[in-house]
Amino acid sequence: MRLSGNCGWEQYGSQANSIRIAAMLEIPEDRCERHRLFKAIDDAFKAGDFEALGVALGGSPGWFDEQMPFELGLGHPLEYAIYWSPAAFISILLDAGSDANYHHHGGFPAIIAALSADRADRLEIVRILIDGGADLNIRGVNDWTPLHYAVAIRSVDAIRLLLAAGADPSLETRIDDYTTALEDADNAGFEAGASLLRDAMTRRGSNGR
């Protein structure tokens, strides 16, 4: 690949050039060079190309579980993949050792990030994350759990999936109104979701939990 004078791209082949990789280990000051680095990373994520992504990120042995360059605003590799990569690539990252409970700064841990993603396969990704060990009750934006977020997006399927996997419907937010997901569903008039959550709370009570 070669960067043209206007920051455009020209493709000369799929294999990375080792000299170019060495130059990518540091974040360039030049705007066009920085765009070049971002584009290499972004393209590899979108293609689901594990080897190319590792190269673009500098070749660290554990790149798949390390925060990406702050200057590019990319965050954790798994989080970026949740939004932009094929679902199968998310499984590859998890199998390689990417932490399904990565440290998140913006309030979007793995399952909540998946639920917030504008993609048709988001529930498939939630399943992959659950299988990969993602915390079903982790707190995110507004101190919501994934169940709270599923209510906010009015997704019956997401609520059903989370409950089946063992998410705790009794958890309240620890700020603002101190509500459970069920209370949020009732307050929003989301009866289909409230019904699922109410049944789960009843079962939980009958089991002495």
N, C-alpha and C. Protein backbone atom coordinates (compact mmCIF):
# COMPACT_ATOMS: atom_id res chain seq x y z
N MET A 1 0.85 -1.18 0.00
CA MET A 1 0.00 0.00 0.00
C MET A 1 0.89 1.24 0.00
N ARG A 2 0.43 2.26 -0.70
CA ARG A 2 1.19 3.50 -0.73
C ARG A 2 0.24 4.65 -0.53
N LEU A 3 0.63 5.59 0.29
CA LEU A 3 -0.19 6.75 0.57
C LEU A 3 0.10 7.82 -0.45
N SER A 4 -0.93 8.29 -1.14
CA SER A 4 -0.73 9.34 -2.14
C SER A 4 -0.66 10.69 -1.45
N GLY A 5 -0.37 11.71 -2.21
CA GLY A 5 -0.16 13.02 -1.63
C GLY A 5 -1.37 13.59 -0.92
N ASN A 6 -2.59 13.17 -1.29
CA ASN A 6 -3.79 13.69 -0.65
C ASN A 6 -4.31 12.77 0.43
N CYS A 7 -3.48 11.89 0.95
CA CYS A 7 -3.82 10.93 2.00
C CYS A 7 -4.68 9.80 1.47
N GLY A 8 -4.75 9.62 0.19
CA GLY A 8 -5.48 8.49 -0.36
C GLY A 8 -4.63 7.25 -0.30
N TRP A 9 -5.19 6.11 -0.75
CA TRP A 9 -4.49 4.83 -0.66
C TRP A 9 -4.35 4.20 -2.02
N GLU A 10 -3.24 3.54 -2.22
CA GLU A 10 -3.05 2.71 -3.40
C GLU A 10 -2.62 1.34 -2.92
N GLN A 11 -3.28 0.30 -3.42
CA GLN A 11 -3.01 -1.06 -2.97
C GLN A 11 -2.00 -1.74 -3.89
N TYR A 12 -0.91 -2.21 -3.29
CA TYR A 12 0.11 -2.90 -4.08
C TYR A 12 0.24 -4.36 -3.71
N GLY A 13 -0.54 -4.80 -2.73
CA GLY A 13 -0.45 -6.19 -2.31
C GLY A 13 -0.92 -6.34 -0.89
N SER A 14 -1.24 -7.56 -0.50
CA SER A 14 -1.82 -7.78 0.82
C SER A 14 -0.77 -8.01 1.89
N GLN A 15 0.46 -8.33 1.53
CA GLN A 15 1.47 -8.63 2.54
C GLN A 15 2.15 -7.35 3.00
N ALA A 16 2.35 -7.27 4.33
CA ALA A 16 2.94 -6.06 4.91
C ALA A 16 4.43 -6.00 4.62
N ASN A 17 4.90 -4.79 4.43
CA ASN A 17 6.32 -4.55 4.23
C ASN A 17 6.96 -4.30 5.59
N SER A 18 8.03 -5.05 5.94
CA SER A 18 8.58 -4.98 7.29
C SER A 18 9.14 -3.60 7.61
N ILE A 19 9.67 -2.90 6.62
CA ILE A 19 10.19 -1.56 6.87
C ILE A 19 9.05 -0.61 7.23
N ARG A 20 7.93 -0.75 6.52
CA ARG A 20 6.78 0.08 6.80
C ARG A 20 6.23 -0.22 8.19
N ILE A 21 6.26 -1.48 8.58
CA ILE A 21 5.76 -1.85 9.90
C ILE A 21 6.58 -1.18 10.98
N ALA A 22 7.90 -1.18 10.82
CA ALA A 22 8.76 -0.55 11.82
C ALA A 22 8.39 0.92 11.98
N ALA A 23 8.06 1.58 10.87
CA ALA A 23 7.68 2.99 10.95
C ALA A 23 6.34 3.17 11.65
N MET A 24 5.53 2.11 11.70
CA MET A 24 4.21 2.21 12.30
C MET A 24 4.24 2.00 13.82
N LEU A 25 5.37 1.62 14.37
CA LEU A 25 5.43 1.34 15.80
C LEU A 25 5.22 2.59 16.64
N GLU A 26 5.47 3.74 16.08
CA GLU A 26 5.24 4.99 16.78
C GLU A 26 4.12 5.74 16.07
N ILE A 27 3.38 6.53 16.82
CA ILE A 27 2.29 7.31 16.23
C ILE A 27 2.89 8.50 15.49
N PRO A 28 2.67 8.59 14.20
CA PRO A 28 3.28 9.67 13.42
C PRO A 28 2.70 11.03 13.79
N GLU A 29 3.52 12.05 13.66
CA GLU A 29 3.06 13.42 13.85
C GLU A 29 2.30 13.91 12.61
N ASP A 30 2.75 13.47 11.45
CA ASP A 30 2.16 13.91 10.20
C ASP A 30 0.72 13.39 10.07
N ARG A 31 -0.18 14.28 9.68
CA ARG A 31 -1.59 13.92 9.59
C ARG A 31 -1.84 12.78 8.60
N CYS A 32 -1.21 12.85 7.46
CA CYS A 32 -1.40 11.81 6.45
C CYS A 32 -0.84 10.46 6.91
N GLU A 33 0.32 10.51 7.55
CA GLU A 33 0.91 9.27 8.06
C GLU A 33 0.06 8.68 9.18
N ARG A 34 -0.52 9.55 10.00
CA ARG A 34 -1.38 9.05 11.06
C ARG A 34 -2.64 8.41 10.48
N HIS A 35 -3.17 9.03 9.43
CA HIS A 35 -4.32 8.45 8.74
C HIS A 35 -3.95 7.09 8.14
N ARG A 36 -2.75 7.01 7.64
CA ARG A 36 -2.28 5.76 7.06
C ARG A 36 -2.28 4.63 8.09
N LEU A 37 -1.80 4.93 9.29
CA LEU A 37 -1.77 3.95 10.36
C LEU A 37 -3.18 3.55 10.77
N PHE A 38 -4.02 4.55 10.96
CA PHE A 38 -5.41 4.25 11.33
C PHE A 38 -6.08 3.38 10.27
N LYS A 39 -5.87 3.70 9.02
CA LYS A 39 -6.53 2.96 7.94
C LYS A 39 -6.07 1.51 7.90
N ALA A 40 -4.78 1.28 8.13
CA ALA A 40 -4.27 -0.09 8.15
C ALA A 40 -4.92 -0.90 9.26
N ILE A 41 -5.07 -0.28 10.43
CA ILE A 41 -5.70 -0.95 11.56
C ILE A 41 -7.17 -1.19 11.29
N ASP A 42 -7.86 -0.16 10.85
CA ASP A 42 -9.30 -0.25 10.60
C ASP A 42 -9.62 -1.28 9.51
N ASP A 43 -8.83 -1.27 8.44
CA ASP A 43 -9.05 -2.24 7.36
C ASP A 43 -8.89 -3.67 7.84
N ALA A 44 -7.87 -3.90 8.68
CA ALA A 44 -7.64 -5.26 9.18
C ALA A 44 -8.77 -5.71 10.09
N PHE A 45 -9.30 -4.81 10.91
CA PHE A 45 -10.45 -5.15 11.74
C PHE A 45 -11.65 -5.52 10.87
N LYS A 46 -11.92 -4.71 9.88
CA LYS A 46 -13.12 -4.93 9.06
C LYS A 46 -12.99 -6.18 8.20
N ALA A 47 -11.77 -6.53 7.84
CA ALA A 47 -11.54 -7.75 7.05
C ALA A 47 -11.46 -8.99 7.94
N GLY A 48 -11.32 -8.79 9.26
CA GLY A 48 -11.12 -9.92 10.16
C GLY A 48 -9.79 -10.61 9.92
N ASP A 49 -8.77 -9.82 9.63
CA ASP A 49 -7.46 -10.36 9.30
C ASP A 49 -6.56 -10.29 10.53
N PHE A 50 -6.44 -11.39 11.25
CA PHE A 50 -5.71 -11.44 12.51
C PHE A 50 -4.24 -11.08 12.31
N GLU A 51 -3.59 -11.67 11.32
CA GLU A 51 -2.17 -11.43 11.10
C GLU A 51 -1.90 -9.98 10.71
N ALA A 52 -2.70 -9.46 9.79
CA ALA A 52 -2.49 -8.08 9.35
C ALA A 52 -2.72 -7.09 10.48
N LEU A 53 -3.69 -7.39 11.34
CA LEU A 53 -3.96 -6.49 12.46
C LEU A 53 -2.81 -6.50 13.45
N GLY A 54 -2.29 -7.67 13.74
CA GLY A 54 -1.15 -7.75 14.64
C GLY A 54 0.04 -6.97 14.12
N VAL A 55 0.26 -7.06 12.83
CA VAL A 55 1.36 -6.33 12.19
C VAL A 55 1.11 -4.82 12.28
N ALA A 56 -0.09 -4.40 11.94
CA ALA A 56 -0.42 -2.97 11.95
C ALA A 56 -0.29 -2.37 13.34
N LEU A 57 -0.55 -3.19 14.37
CA LEU A 57 -0.46 -2.70 15.74
C LEU A 57 0.94 -2.84 16.34
N GLY A 58 1.89 -3.25 15.52
CA GLY A 58 3.27 -3.23 15.96
C GLY A 58 3.86 -4.57 16.31
N GLY A 59 3.05 -5.63 16.28
CA GLY A 59 3.62 -6.97 16.47
C GLY A 59 3.87 -7.40 17.89
N SER A 60 3.29 -6.69 18.87
CA SER A 60 3.44 -7.14 20.25
C SER A 60 2.83 -8.52 20.41
N PRO A 61 3.47 -9.42 21.18
CA PRO A 61 2.94 -10.78 21.34
C PRO A 61 1.51 -10.81 21.89
N GLY A 62 1.15 -9.81 22.68
CA GLY A 62 -0.19 -9.80 23.27
C GLY A 62 -1.06 -8.66 22.78
N TRP A 63 -0.86 -8.23 21.53
CA TRP A 63 -1.58 -7.06 21.00
C TRP A 63 -3.09 -7.19 21.11
N PHE A 64 -3.61 -8.43 21.07
CA PHE A 64 -5.05 -8.66 21.06
C PHE A 64 -5.71 -8.36 22.40
N ASP A 65 -4.91 -8.12 23.43
CA ASP A 65 -5.46 -7.79 24.74
C ASP A 65 -4.81 -6.55 25.32
N GLU A 66 -4.30 -5.69 24.45
CA GLU A 66 -3.66 -4.45 24.86
C GLU A 66 -4.42 -3.26 24.29
N GLN A 67 -4.48 -2.20 25.07
CA GLN A 67 -5.12 -0.99 24.57
C GLN A 67 -4.40 -0.51 23.32
N MET A 68 -5.16 -0.10 22.33
CA MET A 68 -4.57 0.41 21.10
C MET A 68 -4.19 1.88 21.28
N PRO A 69 -3.47 2.45 20.33
CA PRO A 69 -2.94 3.81 20.53
C PRO A 69 -4.00 4.82 20.95
N PHE A 70 -3.74 5.46 22.07
CA PHE A 70 -4.67 6.47 22.59
C PHE A 70 -4.89 7.59 21.58
N GLU A 71 -3.82 7.94 20.88
CA GLU A 71 -3.90 9.06 19.94
C GLU A 71 -4.89 8.81 18.81
N LEU A 72 -5.17 7.53 18.53
CA LEU A 72 -6.11 7.19 17.46
C LEU A 72 -7.52 6.94 17.99
N GLY A 73 -7.68 6.97 19.30
CA GLY A 73 -9.00 6.80 19.90
C GLY A 73 -9.64 5.46 19.66
N LEU A 74 -8.83 4.39 19.66
CA LEU A 74 -9.33 3.07 19.26
C LEU A 74 -9.74 2.17 20.42
N GLY A 75 -9.22 2.39 21.60
CA GLY A 75 -9.61 1.58 22.75
C GLY A 75 -9.05 0.17 22.71
N HIS A 76 -9.81 -0.76 23.27
CA HIS A 76 -9.39 -2.16 23.34
C HIS A 76 -9.74 -2.88 22.04
N PRO A 77 -8.88 -3.79 21.58
CA PRO A 77 -9.16 -4.49 20.31
C PRO A 77 -10.51 -5.18 20.28
N LEU A 78 -10.92 -5.82 21.38
CA LEU A 78 -12.19 -6.53 21.36
C LEU A 78 -13.35 -5.55 21.21
N GLU A 79 -13.28 -4.43 21.89
CA GLU A 79 -14.35 -3.44 21.78
C GLU A 79 -14.47 -2.93 20.34
N TYR A 80 -13.35 -2.63 19.71
CA TYR A 80 -13.40 -2.14 18.33
C TYR A 80 -13.96 -3.22 17.40
N ALA A 81 -13.57 -4.46 17.65
CA ALA A 81 -14.06 -5.57 16.83
C ALA A 81 -15.57 -5.75 16.98
N ILE A 82 -16.08 -5.53 18.17
CA ILE A 82 -17.52 -5.68 18.40
C ILE A 82 -18.31 -4.77 17.47
N TYR A 83 -17.77 -3.59 17.20
CA TYR A 83 -18.48 -2.64 16.34
C TYR A 83 -18.20 -2.86 14.85
N TRP A 84 -17.01 -3.36 14.51
CA TRP A 84 -16.59 -3.28 13.12
C TRP A 84 -16.17 -4.59 12.46
N SER A 85 -15.96 -5.64 13.22
CA SER A 85 -15.41 -6.88 12.64
C SER A 85 -16.49 -7.93 12.42
N PRO A 86 -16.22 -8.89 11.53
CA PRO A 86 -17.12 -10.04 11.41
C PRO A 86 -17.23 -10.77 12.75
N ALA A 87 -18.40 -11.36 13.00
CA ALA A 87 -18.61 -12.05 14.28
C ALA A 87 -17.56 -13.12 14.52
N ALA A 88 -17.18 -13.84 13.46
CA ALA A 88 -16.20 -14.91 13.62
C ALA A 88 -14.86 -14.38 14.12
N PHE A 89 -14.53 -13.14 13.75
CA PHE A 89 -13.25 -12.57 14.18
C PHE A 89 -13.27 -12.28 15.69
N ILE A 90 -14.43 -11.96 16.22
CA ILE A 90 -14.55 -11.75 17.66
C ILE A 90 -14.22 -13.05 18.40
N SER A 91 -14.70 -14.16 17.87
CA SER A 91 -14.35 -15.47 18.45
C SER A 91 -12.85 -15.72 18.38
N ILE A 92 -12.24 -15.35 17.27
CA ILE A 92 -10.80 -15.54 17.10
C ILE A 92 -10.03 -14.74 18.15
N LEU A 93 -10.43 -13.49 18.38
CA LEU A 93 -9.76 -12.66 19.38
C LEU A 93 -9.91 -13.27 20.78
N LEU A 94 -11.10 -13.74 21.10
CA LEU A 94 -11.33 -14.35 22.41
C LEU A 94 -10.49 -15.61 22.57
N ASP A 95 -10.44 -16.42 21.53
CA ASP A 95 -9.64 -17.65 21.58
C ASP A 95 -8.15 -17.34 21.74
N ALA A 96 -7.73 -16.22 21.18
CA ALA A 96 -6.32 -15.83 21.27
C ALA A 96 -5.96 -15.33 22.67
N GLY A 97 -6.96 -14.89 23.44
CA GLY A 97 -6.70 -14.40 24.79
C GLY A 97 -7.19 -13.00 25.06
N SER A 98 -7.98 -12.43 24.15
CA SER A 98 -8.56 -11.11 24.40
C SER A 98 -9.55 -11.20 25.55
N ASP A 99 -9.48 -10.27 26.47
CA ASP A 99 -10.28 -10.31 27.69
C ASP A 99 -11.70 -9.83 27.41
N ALA A 100 -12.68 -10.71 27.62
CA ALA A 100 -14.08 -10.34 27.39
C ALA A 100 -14.56 -9.31 28.41
N ASN A 101 -13.77 -9.09 29.46
CA ASN A 101 -14.10 -8.08 30.46
C ASN A 101 -13.03 -6.99 30.49
N TYR A 102 -12.67 -6.55 29.29
CA TYR A 102 -11.64 -5.52 29.15
C TYR A 102 -12.02 -4.26 29.92
N HIS A 103 -11.01 -3.49 30.29
CA HIS A 103 -11.25 -2.22 30.98
C HIS A 103 -11.84 -1.23 29.99
N HIS A 104 -12.97 -0.65 30.34
CA HIS A 104 -13.65 0.26 29.42
C HIS A 104 -13.72 1.65 30.06
N HIS A 105 -13.54 2.66 29.22
CA HIS A 105 -13.53 4.03 29.72
C HIS A 105 -14.85 4.75 29.47
N GLY A 106 -15.56 4.36 28.41
CA GLY A 106 -16.72 5.13 28.00
C GLY A 106 -18.06 4.55 28.43
N GLY A 107 -18.05 3.51 29.26
CA GLY A 107 -19.31 2.96 29.74
C GLY A 107 -19.89 1.87 28.87
N PHE A 108 -19.05 1.30 27.99
CA PHE A 108 -19.55 0.27 27.10
C PHE A 108 -18.68 -1.00 27.18
N PRO A 109 -18.84 -1.75 28.29
CA PRO A 109 -18.18 -3.07 28.36
C PRO A 109 -18.75 -3.98 27.29
N ALA A 110 -18.18 -5.16 27.14
CA ALA A 110 -18.40 -5.98 25.96
C ALA A 110 -19.86 -6.21 25.60
N ILE A 111 -20.66 -6.75 26.51
CA ILE A 111 -22.04 -7.08 26.16
C ILE A 111 -22.85 -5.82 25.86
N ILE A 112 -22.65 -4.78 26.64
CA ILE A 112 -23.37 -3.52 26.38
C ILE A 112 -22.92 -2.92 25.05
N ALA A 113 -21.63 -3.01 24.75
CA ALA A 113 -21.15 -2.54 23.44
C ALA A 113 -21.84 -3.29 22.32
N ALA A 114 -21.95 -4.61 22.46
CA ALA A 114 -22.61 -5.41 21.42
C ALA A 114 -24.08 -5.02 21.26
N LEU A 115 -24.77 -4.81 22.38
CA LEU A 115 -26.17 -4.42 22.31
C LEU A 115 -26.34 -3.04 21.68
N SER A 116 -25.34 -2.19 21.83
CA SER A 116 -25.43 -0.83 21.28
C SER A 116 -25.04 -0.76 19.81
N ALA A 117 -24.43 -1.84 19.30
CA ALA A 117 -23.91 -1.82 17.93
C ALA A 117 -25.06 -1.83 16.92
N ASP A 118 -24.89 -1.06 15.88
CA ASP A 118 -25.89 -0.99 14.82
C ASP A 118 -25.59 -2.07 13.79
N ARG A 119 -25.86 -3.32 14.16
CA ARG A 119 -25.60 -4.43 13.27
C ARG A 119 -26.62 -5.54 13.51
N ALA A 120 -26.98 -6.22 12.43
CA ALA A 120 -28.04 -7.22 12.49
C ALA A 120 -27.67 -8.44 13.33
N ASP A 121 -26.38 -8.71 13.45
CA ASP A 121 -25.93 -9.91 14.17
C ASP A 121 -25.51 -9.62 15.61
N ARG A 122 -26.04 -8.57 16.19
CA ARG A 122 -25.56 -8.19 17.52
C ARG A 122 -25.86 -9.25 18.58
N LEU A 123 -26.98 -9.95 18.46
CA LEU A 123 -27.28 -10.99 19.45
C LEU A 123 -26.35 -12.20 19.29
N GLU A 124 -25.96 -12.47 18.07
CA GLU A 124 -24.95 -13.52 17.86
C GLU A 124 -23.66 -13.14 18.55
N ILE A 125 -23.30 -11.86 18.47
CA ILE A 125 -22.08 -11.39 19.12
C ILE A 125 -22.22 -11.47 20.64
N VAL A 126 -23.40 -11.14 21.15
CA VAL A 126 -23.62 -11.28 22.60
C VAL A 126 -23.41 -12.73 23.02
N ARG A 127 -23.91 -13.66 22.24
CA ARG A 127 -23.72 -15.09 22.56
C ARG A 127 -22.23 -15.46 22.57
N ILE A 128 -21.53 -14.97 21.57
CA ILE A 128 -20.09 -15.24 21.49
C ILE A 128 -19.37 -14.69 22.72
N LEU A 129 -19.74 -13.49 23.13
CA LEU A 129 -19.12 -12.86 24.30
C LEU A 129 -19.45 -13.62 25.58
N ILE A 130 -20.68 -14.06 25.71
CA ILE A 130 -21.06 -14.84 26.89
C ILE A 130 -20.25 -16.12 26.94
N ASP A 131 -20.14 -16.80 25.81
CA ASP A 131 -19.34 -18.03 25.75
C ASP A 131 -17.88 -17.75 26.06
N GLY A 132 -17.43 -16.52 25.76
CA GLY A 132 -16.05 -16.14 26.00
C GLY A 132 -15.80 -15.63 27.41
N GLY A 133 -16.83 -15.65 28.26
CA GLY A 133 -16.64 -15.28 29.66
C GLY A 133 -17.02 -13.86 30.02
N ALA A 134 -17.74 -13.16 29.15
CA ALA A 134 -18.13 -11.78 29.47
C ALA A 134 -19.06 -11.75 30.67
N ASP A 135 -18.85 -10.79 31.54
CA ASP A 135 -19.64 -10.63 32.76
C ASP A 135 -21.06 -10.21 32.39
N LEU A 136 -22.03 -11.02 32.77
CA LEU A 136 -23.44 -10.76 32.45
C LEU A 136 -24.02 -9.61 33.25
N ASN A 137 -23.38 -9.25 34.34
CA ASN A 137 -23.92 -8.22 35.24
C ASN A 137 -23.00 -7.00 35.36
N ILE A 138 -22.08 -6.86 34.43
CA ILE A 138 -21.13 -5.76 34.50
C ILE A 138 -21.85 -4.42 34.35
N ARG A 139 -21.33 -3.41 35.00
CA ARG A 139 -21.94 -2.08 34.95
C ARG A 139 -21.35 -1.27 33.80
N GLY A 140 -22.23 -0.48 33.18
CA GLY A 140 -21.77 0.37 32.09
C GLY A 140 -22.39 1.75 32.19
N VAL A 141 -22.71 2.33 31.05
CA VAL A 141 -23.29 3.66 30.99
C VAL A 141 -24.51 3.74 31.91
N ASN A 142 -24.64 4.85 32.64
CA ASN A 142 -25.74 5.07 33.60
C ASN A 142 -25.78 4.03 34.72
N ASP A 143 -24.68 3.32 34.91
CA ASP A 143 -24.60 2.22 35.87
C ASP A 143 -25.55 1.08 35.51
N TRP A 144 -25.94 1.03 34.24
CA TRP A 144 -26.81 -0.05 33.77
C TRP A 144 -26.05 -1.36 33.68
N THR A 145 -26.76 -2.45 33.96
CA THR A 145 -26.29 -3.78 33.61
C THR A 145 -26.73 -4.05 32.16
N PRO A 146 -26.24 -5.14 31.56
CA PRO A 146 -26.74 -5.48 30.22
C PRO A 146 -28.26 -5.61 30.16
N LEU A 147 -28.89 -6.11 31.23
CA LEU A 147 -30.36 -6.21 31.23
C LEU A 147 -31.00 -4.82 31.17
N HIS A 148 -30.46 -3.87 31.92
CA HIS A 148 -30.97 -2.50 31.84
C HIS A 148 -30.84 -1.97 30.41
N TYR A 149 -29.70 -2.26 29.79
CA TYR A 149 -29.49 -1.74 28.43
C TYR A 149 -30.45 -2.41 27.45
N ALA A 150 -30.68 -3.71 27.63
CA ALA A 150 -31.62 -4.42 26.76
C ALA A 150 -33.02 -3.82 26.88
N VAL A 151 -33.40 -3.40 28.08
CA VAL A 151 -34.68 -2.71 28.26
C VAL A 151 -34.66 -1.37 27.54
N ALA A 152 -33.56 -0.65 27.67
CA ALA A 152 -33.47 0.68 27.05
C ALA A 152 -33.64 0.62 25.53
N ILE A 153 -33.14 -0.47 24.91
CA ILE A 153 -33.29 -0.61 23.45
C ILE A 153 -34.53 -1.44 23.10
N ARG A 154 -35.30 -1.81 24.12
CA ARG A 154 -36.57 -2.52 23.95
C ARG A 154 -36.40 -3.81 23.14
N SER A 155 -35.42 -4.60 23.54
CA SER A 155 -35.15 -5.86 22.85
C SER A 155 -35.56 -7.05 23.70
N VAL A 156 -36.70 -7.63 23.37
CA VAL A 156 -37.16 -8.82 24.07
C VAL A 156 -36.17 -9.96 23.89
N ASP A 157 -35.65 -10.10 22.68
CA ASP A 157 -34.72 -11.20 22.40
C ASP A 157 -33.45 -11.07 23.23
N ALA A 158 -32.96 -9.85 23.41
CA ALA A 158 -31.77 -9.66 24.22
C ALA A 158 -32.04 -9.99 25.69
N ILE A 159 -33.19 -9.57 26.18
CA ILE A 159 -33.56 -9.88 27.56
C ILE A 159 -33.64 -11.39 27.76
N ARG A 160 -34.30 -12.04 26.82
CA ARG A 160 -34.45 -13.50 26.92
C ARG A 160 -33.08 -14.20 26.91
N LEU A 161 -32.21 -13.75 26.03
CA LEU A 161 -30.88 -14.34 25.93
C LEU A 161 -30.09 -14.14 27.21
N LEU A 162 -30.10 -12.94 27.75
CA LEU A 162 -29.34 -12.64 28.96
C LEU A 162 -29.87 -13.42 30.16
N LEU A 163 -31.18 -13.48 30.29
CA LEU A 163 -31.75 -14.22 31.41
C LEU A 163 -31.42 -15.71 31.31
N ALA A 164 -31.50 -16.26 30.11
CA ALA A 164 -31.19 -17.68 29.92
C ALA A 164 -29.74 -17.99 30.28
N ALA A 165 -28.87 -16.99 30.07
CA ALA A 165 -27.45 -17.19 30.37
C ALA A 165 -27.13 -16.98 31.84
N GLY A 166 -28.10 -16.41 32.60
CA GLY A 166 -27.88 -16.26 34.04
C GLY A 166 -27.75 -14.84 34.54
N ALA A 167 -28.12 -13.85 33.74
CA ALA A 167 -28.06 -12.46 34.19
C ALA A 167 -29.01 -12.26 35.37
N ASP A 168 -28.61 -11.41 36.30
CA ASP A 168 -29.36 -11.18 37.54
C ASP A 168 -30.37 -10.04 37.35
N PRO A 169 -31.68 -10.34 37.34
CA PRO A 169 -32.67 -9.30 37.13
C PRO A 169 -32.95 -8.44 38.36
N SER A 170 -32.38 -8.80 39.50
CA SER A 170 -32.68 -8.08 40.74
C SER A 170 -31.75 -6.89 40.97
N LEU A 171 -30.73 -6.75 40.14
CA LEU A 171 -29.74 -5.69 40.37
C LEU A 171 -30.33 -4.32 40.07
N GLU A 172 -30.07 -3.38 40.99
CA GLU A 172 -30.49 -1.99 40.81
C GLU A 172 -29.32 -1.14 40.37
N THR A 173 -29.61 -0.06 39.68
CA THR A 173 -28.57 0.93 39.44
C THR A 173 -28.18 1.55 40.79
N ARG A 174 -26.94 1.98 40.89
CA ARG A 174 -26.45 2.53 42.16
C ARG A 174 -26.37 4.05 42.12
N ILE A 175 -26.94 4.64 41.08
CA ILE A 175 -27.01 6.09 40.92
C ILE A 175 -28.41 6.45 40.41
N ASP A 176 -28.70 7.72 40.33
CA ASP A 176 -29.96 8.22 39.77
C ASP A 176 -31.16 7.63 40.50
N ASP A 177 -31.96 6.82 39.83
CA ASP A 177 -33.23 6.36 40.42
C ASP A 177 -33.16 5.02 41.13
N TYR A 178 -32.01 4.38 41.13
CA TYR A 178 -31.82 3.11 41.84
C TYR A 178 -32.88 2.07 41.42
N THR A 179 -32.98 1.86 40.12
CA THR A 179 -34.02 0.99 39.59
C THR A 179 -33.46 -0.34 39.09
N THR A 180 -34.32 -1.35 39.11
CA THR A 180 -34.01 -2.61 38.44
C THR A 180 -34.39 -2.49 36.97
N ALA A 181 -33.96 -3.46 36.19
CA ALA A 181 -34.36 -3.49 34.78
C ALA A 181 -35.88 -3.62 34.66
N LEU A 182 -36.49 -4.39 35.55
CA LEU A 182 -37.94 -4.54 35.54
C LEU A 182 -38.63 -3.21 35.78
N GLU A 183 -38.16 -2.46 36.75
CA GLU A 183 -38.77 -1.15 37.03
C GLU A 183 -38.61 -0.22 35.84
N ASP A 184 -37.46 -0.28 35.17
CA ASP A 184 -37.27 0.54 33.98
C ASP A 184 -38.25 0.13 32.88
N ALA A 185 -38.44 -1.17 32.72
CA ALA A 185 -39.38 -1.66 31.70
C ALA A 185 -40.80 -1.21 32.02
N ASP A 186 -41.20 -1.32 33.28
CA ASP A 186 -42.54 -0.88 33.68
C ASP A 186 -42.70 0.63 33.44
N ASN A 187 -41.69 1.39 33.83
CA ASN A 187 -41.75 2.84 33.67
C ASN A 187 -41.83 3.26 32.21
N ALA A 188 -41.22 2.45 31.33
CA ALA A 188 -41.22 2.77 29.90
C ALA A 188 -42.42 2.18 29.16
N GLY A 189 -43.27 1.46 29.87
CA GLY A 189 -44.40 0.83 29.21
C GLY A 189 -44.00 -0.30 28.28
N PHE A 190 -42.86 -0.92 28.57
CA PHE A 190 -42.33 -2.01 27.75
C PHE A 190 -42.80 -3.32 28.35
N GLU A 191 -44.06 -3.66 28.10
CA GLU A 191 -44.70 -4.77 28.79
C GLU A 191 -44.09 -6.12 28.44
N ALA A 192 -43.70 -6.31 27.17
CA ALA A 192 -43.13 -7.61 26.78
C ALA A 192 -41.84 -7.88 27.55
N GLY A 193 -41.02 -6.85 27.67
CA GLY A 193 -39.79 -7.01 28.44
C GLY A 193 -40.06 -7.15 29.93
N ALA A 194 -41.01 -6.36 30.42
CA ALA A 194 -41.35 -6.41 31.84
C ALA A 194 -41.87 -7.80 32.22
N SER A 195 -42.64 -8.40 31.34
CA SER A 195 -43.19 -9.73 31.62
C SER A 195 -42.08 -10.77 31.80
N LEU A 196 -41.09 -10.73 30.91
CA LEU A 196 -39.96 -11.65 31.03
C LEU A 196 -39.20 -11.43 32.33
N LEU A 197 -38.97 -10.19 32.65
CA LEU A 197 -38.20 -9.86 33.85
C LEU A 197 -38.98 -10.19 35.12
N ARG A 198 -40.28 -9.96 35.08
CA ARG A 198 -41.12 -10.28 36.24
C ARG A 198 -41.12 -11.79 36.50
N ASP A 199 -41.24 -12.56 35.43
CA ASP A 199 -41.19 -14.02 35.58
C ASP A 199 -39.84 -14.47 36.14
N ALA A 200 -38.77 -13.83 35.66
CA ALA A 200 -37.43 -14.19 36.15
C ALA A 200 -37.27 -13.85 37.63
N MET A 201 -37.81 -12.70 38.03
CA MET A 201 -37.74 -12.31 39.44
C MET A 201 -38.54 -13.28 40.30
N THR A 202 -39.69 -13.71 39.80
CA THR A 202 -40.52 -14.66 40.55
C THR A 202 -39.80 -15.98 40.73
N ARG A 203 -39.20 -16.47 39.63
CA ARG A 203 -38.45 -17.73 39.72
C ARG A 203 -37.28 -17.61 40.69
N ARG A 204 -36.66 -16.46 40.65
CA ARG A 204 -35.52 -16.23 41.53
C ARG A 204 -35.96 -16.26 42.99
N GLY A 205 -37.12 -15.64 43.26
CA GLY A 205 -37.64 -15.63 44.62
C GLY A 205 -38.03 -17.01 45.10
N SER A 206 -38.62 -17.80 44.20
CA SER A 206 -39.05 -19.14 44.59
C SER A 206 -37.88 -20.07 44.84
N ASN A 207 -36.72 -19.71 44.25
CA ASN A 207 -35.50 -20.51 44.45
C ASN A 207 -34.71 -20.04 45.67
N GLY A 208 -35.26 -19.01 46.36
CA GLY A 208 -34.59 -18.50 47.55
C GLY A 208 -33.37 -17.68 47.26
N ARG A 209 -33.31 -17.08 46.08
CA ARG A 209 -32.13 -16.28 45.73
C ARG A 209 -32.43 -14.81 45.85
